[in-house]
Amino acid sequence: MCVILVCPESVRPKPEVLYRCHDANPHGAGVAWREAGRVRWQKNLTTGEVVQLLKRLEGEVVIHFRWASVGGVDPRLCHPFPVTPKATVGLSGMAESVLFHNGTWCDYDAALERLRKHRKEPLPGGPMSDTRAAALVVHTAGAEVLHRMSGRWVWMSAEQTRLFGPWEEWQRM
């Protein structure tokens, strides 16, 4: 199962914590932060790249280390995913909001089928995972739908960060 670190402005994890997160979840890392009124992200990062990036970033950041449970090991399936009509699989970008997931959402195939029937445009191509599918659903139905989906979710927008699912606060890093 993946790990997500939601770090307030004044909190940055120590490098040894990040390396332990990677050791347990070795299929790629992603980071999101606010910049220029939007959310910027980079993913498929090494732990060293995460450490260096965090030194430059101000404000709240969200860090994700992936365990490839759905969709296989593919750099494009690292989190976050932009909450857009295509939930693109680019390794970096900017969006109004992004989505991270910890857990497995088993109903994503059925949700994609429902979306396919109701969308005017076809579903996007490329690799798919439960989290990318969820980003498509959230774009259509809004973040509140995450209350009904299994796992832990982080929805980060230019204005706020919201947690969905059963979360625990962990020790200061």
C-alpha atoms as a PDB file:
ATOM      1  CA  MET A   1       0.000   0.000   0.000  1.00  0.00           C
ATOM      2  CA  CYS A   2       1.273   3.487  -0.842  1.00  0.00           C
ATOM      3  CA  VAL A   3       2.261   6.168   1.632  1.00  0.00           C
ATOM      4  CA  ILE A   4       1.191   9.808   1.551  1.00  0.00           C
ATOM      5  CA  LEU A   5       2.795  12.598   3.560  1.00  0.00           C
ATOM      6  CA  VAL A   6       0.778  15.823   3.877  1.00  0.00           C
ATOM      7  CA  CYS A   7       3.303  18.365   5.108  1.00  0.00           C
ATOM      8  CA  PRO A   8       2.289  21.801   6.376  1.00  0.00           C
ATOM      9  CA  GLU A   9       4.494  24.742   5.475  1.00  0.00           C
ATOM     10  CA  SER A  10       6.707  24.402   8.550  1.00  0.00           C
ATOM     11  CA  VAL A  11       7.137  20.599   8.330  1.00  0.00           C
ATOM     12  CA  ARG A  12       9.542  18.774   6.059  1.00  0.00           C
ATOM     13  CA  PRO A  13      10.340  15.089   6.500  1.00  0.00           C
ATOM     14  CA  LYS A  14      13.934  14.170   7.200  1.00  0.00           C
ATOM     15  CA  PRO A  15      15.719  12.431   4.307  1.00  0.00           C
ATOM     16  CA  GLU A  16      15.907   9.169   6.273  1.00  0.00           C
ATOM     17  CA  VAL A  17      12.091   9.159   6.570  1.00  0.00           C
ATOM     18  CA  LEU A  18      11.774   9.662   2.823  1.00  0.00           C
ATOM     19  CA  TYR A  19      14.217   6.829   2.126  1.00  0.00           C
ATOM     20  CA  ARG A  20      12.244   4.515   4.417  1.00  0.00           C
ATOM     21  CA  CYS A  21       9.044   5.475   2.600  1.00  0.00           C
ATOM     22  CA  HIS A  22      10.718   4.621  -0.705  1.00  0.00           C
ATOM     23  CA  ASP A  23      12.063   1.306   0.593  1.00  0.00           C
ATOM     24  CA  ALA A  24       8.516   0.264   1.496  1.00  0.00           C
ATOM     25  CA  ASN A  25       6.958   1.741  -1.677  1.00  0.00           C
ATOM     26  CA  PRO A  26       9.597   1.605  -4.447  1.00  0.00           C
ATOM     27  CA  HIS A  27       7.530   2.230  -7.590  1.00  0.00           C
ATOM     28  CA  GLY A  28       7.999   5.986  -7.849  1.00  0.00           C
ATOM     29  CA  ALA A  29       7.383   9.161  -5.914  1.00  0.00           C
ATOM     30  CA  GLY A  30       5.366  12.274  -6.624  1.00  0.00           C
ATOM     31  CA  VAL A  31       5.135  15.716  -5.053  1.00  0.00           C
ATOM     32  CA  ALA A  32       2.528  18.481  -5.367  1.00  0.00           C
ATOM     33  CA  TRP A  33       2.629  22.083  -4.164  1.00  0.00           C
ATOM     34  CA  ARG A  34       0.900  25.388  -4.836  1.00  0.00           C
ATOM     35  CA  GLU A  35       2.431  27.830  -7.281  1.00  0.00           C
ATOM     36  CA  ALA A  36       1.060  30.806  -9.209  1.00  0.00           C
ATOM     37  CA  GLY A  37      -2.541  30.161  -8.099  1.00  0.00           C
ATOM     38  CA  ARG A  38      -2.532  26.524  -9.219  1.00  0.00           C
ATOM     39  CA  VAL A  39      -1.197  23.149  -8.112  1.00  0.00           C
ATOM     40  CA  ARG A  40       2.097  22.059  -9.642  1.00  0.00           C
ATOM     41  CA  TRP A  41       3.255  18.447  -9.560  1.00  0.00           C
ATOM     42  CA  GLN A  42       6.205  16.279 -10.464  1.00  0.00           C
ATOM     43  CA  LYS A  43       6.204  12.498 -10.346  1.00  0.00           C
ATOM     44  CA  ASN A  44       8.343   9.451 -11.020  1.00  0.00           C
ATOM     45  CA  LEU A  45      10.976  11.058  -8.811  1.00  0.00           C
ATOM     46  CA  THR A  46      13.788   9.295  -7.008  1.00  0.00           C
ATOM     47  CA  THR A  47      14.070   9.854  -3.283  1.00  0.00           C
ATOM     48  CA  GLY A  48      17.120  12.043  -3.852  1.00  0.00           C
ATOM     49  CA  GLU A  49      15.109  14.196  -6.265  1.00  0.00           C
ATOM     50  CA  VAL A  50      12.331  14.511  -3.663  1.00  0.00           C
ATOM     51  CA  VAL A  51      14.869  15.595  -1.022  1.00  0.00           C
ATOM     52  CA  GLN A  52      16.305  18.254  -3.343  1.00  0.00           C
ATOM     53  CA  LEU A  53      12.879  19.478  -4.473  1.00  0.00           C
ATOM     54  CA  LEU A  54      11.651  19.893  -0.900  1.00  0.00           C
ATOM     55  CA  LYS A  55      14.607  22.175  -0.131  1.00  0.00           C
ATOM     56  CA  ARG A  56      13.290  24.648  -2.723  1.00  0.00           C
ATOM     57  CA  LEU A  57       9.562  24.505  -1.996  1.00  0.00           C
ATOM     58  CA  GLU A  58       7.659  26.775   0.343  1.00  0.00           C
ATOM     59  CA  GLY A  59       4.180  26.208   1.688  1.00  0.00           C
ATOM     60  CA  GLU A  60       2.277  22.989   2.070  1.00  0.00           C
ATOM     61  CA  VAL A  61       3.452  19.978   0.069  1.00  0.00           C
ATOM     62  CA  VAL A  62       2.010  16.513  -0.464  1.00  0.00           C
ATOM     63  CA  ILE A  63       4.397  13.619  -1.107  1.00  0.00           C
ATOM     64  CA  HIS A  64       3.389  10.172  -2.364  1.00  0.00           C
ATOM     65  CA  PHE A  65       5.429   6.973  -2.613  1.00  0.00           C
ATOM     66  CA  ARG A  66       3.742   4.344  -4.795  1.00  0.00           C
ATOM     67  CA  TRP A  67       3.286   0.639  -4.379  1.00  0.00           C
ATOM     68  CA  ALA A  68       2.004  -0.511  -7.785  1.00  0.00           C
ATOM     69  CA  SER A  69      -1.082  -2.472  -6.789  1.00  0.00           C
ATOM     70  CA  VAL A  70      -3.333  -1.459  -9.716  1.00  0.00           C
ATOM     71  CA  GLY A  71      -2.010  -0.717 -13.194  1.00  0.00           C
ATOM     72  CA  GLY A  72       1.433  -2.209 -12.758  1.00  0.00           C
ATOM     73  CA  VAL A  73       4.798  -0.527 -12.446  1.00  0.00           C
ATOM     74  CA  ASP A  74       4.645   2.402 -14.852  1.00  0.00           C
ATOM     75  CA  PRO A  75       6.185   5.837 -14.212  1.00  0.00           C
ATOM     76  CA  ARG A  76       3.078   7.508 -15.636  1.00  0.00           C
ATOM     77  CA  LEU A  77       0.921   5.910 -12.918  1.00  0.00           C
ATOM     78  CA  CYS A  78       2.767   7.573 -10.042  1.00  0.00           C
ATOM     79  CA  HIS A  79       0.568  10.017  -8.138  1.00  0.00           C
ATOM     80  CA  PRO A  80      -0.734  12.675  -8.215  1.00  0.00           C
ATOM     81  CA  PHE A  81      -3.161  12.843 -11.110  1.00  0.00           C
ATOM     82  CA  PRO A  82      -4.656  16.128 -12.252  1.00  0.00           C
ATOM     83  CA  VAL A  83      -8.407  16.314 -11.740  1.00  0.00           C
ATOM     84  CA  THR A  84      -9.190  17.135 -15.372  1.00  0.00           C
ATOM     85  CA  PRO A  85     -11.271  15.598 -18.185  1.00  0.00           C
ATOM     86  CA  LYS A  86      -8.301  13.435 -19.213  1.00  0.00           C
ATOM     87  CA  ALA A  87      -6.458  12.999 -15.873  1.00  0.00           C
ATOM     88  CA  THR A  88      -3.283  13.089 -17.918  1.00  0.00           C
ATOM     89  CA  VAL A  89      -0.360  10.828 -17.134  1.00  0.00           C
ATOM     90  CA  GLY A  90       2.315  13.480 -17.682  1.00  0.00           C
ATOM     91  CA  LEU A  91       5.244  13.379 -15.286  1.00  0.00           C
ATOM     92  CA  SER A  92       4.857  17.079 -14.443  1.00  0.00           C
ATOM     93  CA  GLY A  93       2.344  19.841 -14.885  1.00  0.00           C
ATOM     94  CA  MET A  94      -0.088  22.287 -13.332  1.00  0.00           C
ATOM     95  CA  ALA A  95      -3.812  21.976 -12.660  1.00  0.00           C
ATOM     96  CA  GLU A  96      -6.597  23.449 -10.563  1.00  0.00           C
ATOM     97  CA  SER A  97      -6.463  20.339  -8.362  1.00  0.00           C
ATOM     98  CA  VAL A  98      -4.764  16.947  -8.078  1.00  0.00           C
ATOM     99  CA  LEU A  99      -5.553  13.618  -6.449  1.00  0.00           C
ATOM    100  CA  PHE A 100      -3.477  11.162  -4.401  1.00  0.00           C
ATOM    101  CA  HIS A 101      -4.585   7.753  -3.115  1.00  0.00           C
ATOM    102  CA  ASN A 102      -3.480   5.242  -0.510  1.00  0.00           C
ATOM    103  CA  GLY A 103      -5.273   1.943  -0.823  1.00  0.00           C
ATOM    104  CA  THR A 104      -7.052   0.044  -3.554  1.00  0.00           C
ATOM    105  CA  TRP A 105     -10.356   1.112  -5.050  1.00  0.00           C
ATOM    106  CA  CYS A 106     -11.769  -2.145  -6.405  1.00  0.00           C
ATOM    107  CA  ASP A 107     -14.848  -0.612  -8.084  1.00  0.00           C
ATOM    108  CA  TYR A 108     -12.942   1.588 -10.497  1.00  0.00           C
ATOM    109  CA  ASP A 109     -13.736  -0.549 -13.593  1.00  0.00           C
ATOM    110  CA  ALA A 110     -17.477  -0.214 -12.974  1.00  0.00           C
ATOM    111  CA  ALA A 111     -17.107   3.530 -12.393  1.00  0.00           C
ATOM    112  CA  LEU A 112     -15.197   3.901 -15.669  1.00  0.00           C
ATOM    113  CA  GLU A 113     -17.954   2.015 -17.490  1.00  0.00           C
ATOM    114  CA  ARG A 114     -20.576   4.406 -16.036  1.00  0.00           C
ATOM    115  CA  LEU A 115     -18.417   7.389 -17.067  1.00  0.00           C
ATOM    116  CA  ARG A 116     -17.971   5.952 -20.558  1.00  0.00           C
ATOM    117  CA  LYS A 117     -21.761   5.807 -20.997  1.00  0.00           C
ATOM    118  CA  HIS A 118     -22.358   9.380 -19.814  1.00  0.00           C
ATOM    119  CA  ARG A 119     -19.425  11.321 -21.280  1.00  0.00           C
ATOM    120  CA  LYS A 120     -19.616  13.069 -24.619  1.00  0.00           C
ATOM    121  CA  GLU A 121     -15.936  12.458 -25.300  1.00  0.00           C
ATOM    122  CA  PRO A 122     -14.215   9.070 -25.048  1.00  0.00           C
ATOM    123  CA  LEU A 123     -12.263   8.114 -21.967  1.00  0.00           C
ATOM    124  CA  PRO A 124      -8.579   8.954 -22.242  1.00  0.00           C
ATOM    125  CA  GLY A 125      -6.135   6.374 -23.532  1.00  0.00           C
ATOM    126  CA  GLY A 126      -2.913   5.221 -21.975  1.00  0.00           C
ATOM    127  CA  PRO A 127      -2.267   3.299 -18.784  1.00  0.00           C
ATOM    128  CA  MET A 128      -5.080   3.243 -16.235  1.00  0.00           C
ATOM    129  CA  SER A 129      -5.103   2.763 -12.491  1.00  0.00           C
ATOM    130  CA  ASP A 130      -7.721   3.109  -9.802  1.00  0.00           C
ATOM    131  CA  THR A 131      -6.358   6.534  -8.863  1.00  0.00           C
ATOM    132  CA  ARG A 132      -6.358   7.871 -12.417  1.00  0.00           C
ATOM    133  CA  ALA A 133      -9.928   6.598 -12.780  1.00  0.00           C
ATOM    134  CA  ALA A 134     -10.843   8.346  -9.515  1.00  0.00           C
ATOM    135  CA  ALA A 135      -9.422  11.636 -10.837  1.00  0.00           C
ATOM    136  CA  LEU A 136     -11.792  11.308 -13.807  1.00  0.00           C
ATOM    137  CA  VAL A 137     -14.720  10.588 -11.491  1.00  0.00           C
ATOM    138  CA  VAL A 138     -13.855  13.518  -9.204  1.00  0.00           C
ATOM    139  CA  HIS A 139     -13.653  15.818 -12.223  1.00  0.00           C
ATOM    140  CA  THR A 140     -17.189  14.787 -13.165  1.00  0.00           C
ATOM    141  CA  ALA A 141     -18.830  14.398  -9.746  1.00  0.00           C
ATOM    142  CA  GLY A 142     -16.772  16.629  -7.420  1.00  0.00           C
ATOM    143  CA  ALA A 143     -14.452  15.808  -4.522  1.00  0.00           C
ATOM    144  CA  GLU A 144     -17.328  14.840  -2.205  1.00  0.00           C
ATOM    145  CA  VAL A 145     -17.638  11.547  -4.092  1.00  0.00           C
ATOM    146  CA  LEU A 146     -14.407  10.487  -2.353  1.00  0.00           C
ATOM    147  CA  HIS A 147     -16.427   9.968   0.851  1.00  0.00           C
ATOM    148  CA  ARG A 148     -17.990   6.929  -0.858  1.00  0.00           C
ATOM    149  CA  MET A 149     -14.748   5.417  -2.181  1.00  0.00           C
ATOM    150  CA  SER A 150     -12.485   3.031  -0.276  1.00  0.00           C
ATOM    151  CA  GLY A 151      -8.990   4.020   0.773  1.00  0.00           C
ATOM    152  CA  ARG A 152      -7.425   7.275   1.864  1.00  0.00           C
ATOM    153  CA  TRP A 153      -7.539  10.204  -0.524  1.00  0.00           C
ATOM    154  CA  VAL A 154      -5.864  13.599  -0.671  1.00  0.00           C
ATOM    155  CA  TRP A 155      -7.488  16.185  -2.913  1.00  0.00           C
ATOM    156  CA  MET A 156      -5.286  19.270  -3.220  1.00  0.00           C
ATOM    157  CA  SER A 157      -6.503  22.420  -4.917  1.00  0.00           C
ATOM    158  CA  ALA A 158      -5.007  25.867  -5.279  1.00  0.00           C
ATOM    159  CA  GLU A 159      -6.958  26.950  -2.169  1.00  0.00           C
ATOM    160  CA  GLN A 160      -7.124  23.922   0.132  1.00  0.00           C
ATOM    161  CA  THR A 161      -6.168  20.347   0.863  1.00  0.00           C
ATOM    162  CA  ARG A 162      -8.838  17.863   1.922  1.00  0.00           C
ATOM    163  CA  LEU A 163      -8.423  14.377   3.326  1.00  0.00           C
ATOM    164  CA  PHE A 164     -10.994  11.628   2.761  1.00  0.00           C
ATOM    165  CA  GLY A 165     -11.049   8.228   4.438  1.00  0.00           C
ATOM    166  CA  PRO A 166      -9.583   6.955   7.722  1.00  0.00           C
ATOM    167  CA  TRP A 167      -6.451   9.011   8.431  1.00  0.00           C
ATOM    168  CA  GLU A 168      -4.036   9.030  11.351  1.00  0.00           C
ATOM    169  CA  GLU A 169      -1.649  11.778  12.324  1.00  0.00           C
ATOM    170  CA  TRP A 170       1.864  10.453  12.524  1.00  0.00           C
ATOM    171  CA  GLN A 171       4.747  11.782  14.604  1.00  0.00           C
ATOM    172  CA  ARG A 172       6.570  14.927  13.561  1.00  0.00           C
ATOM    173  CA  MET A 173       9.234  14.103  11.044  1.00  0.00           C
END
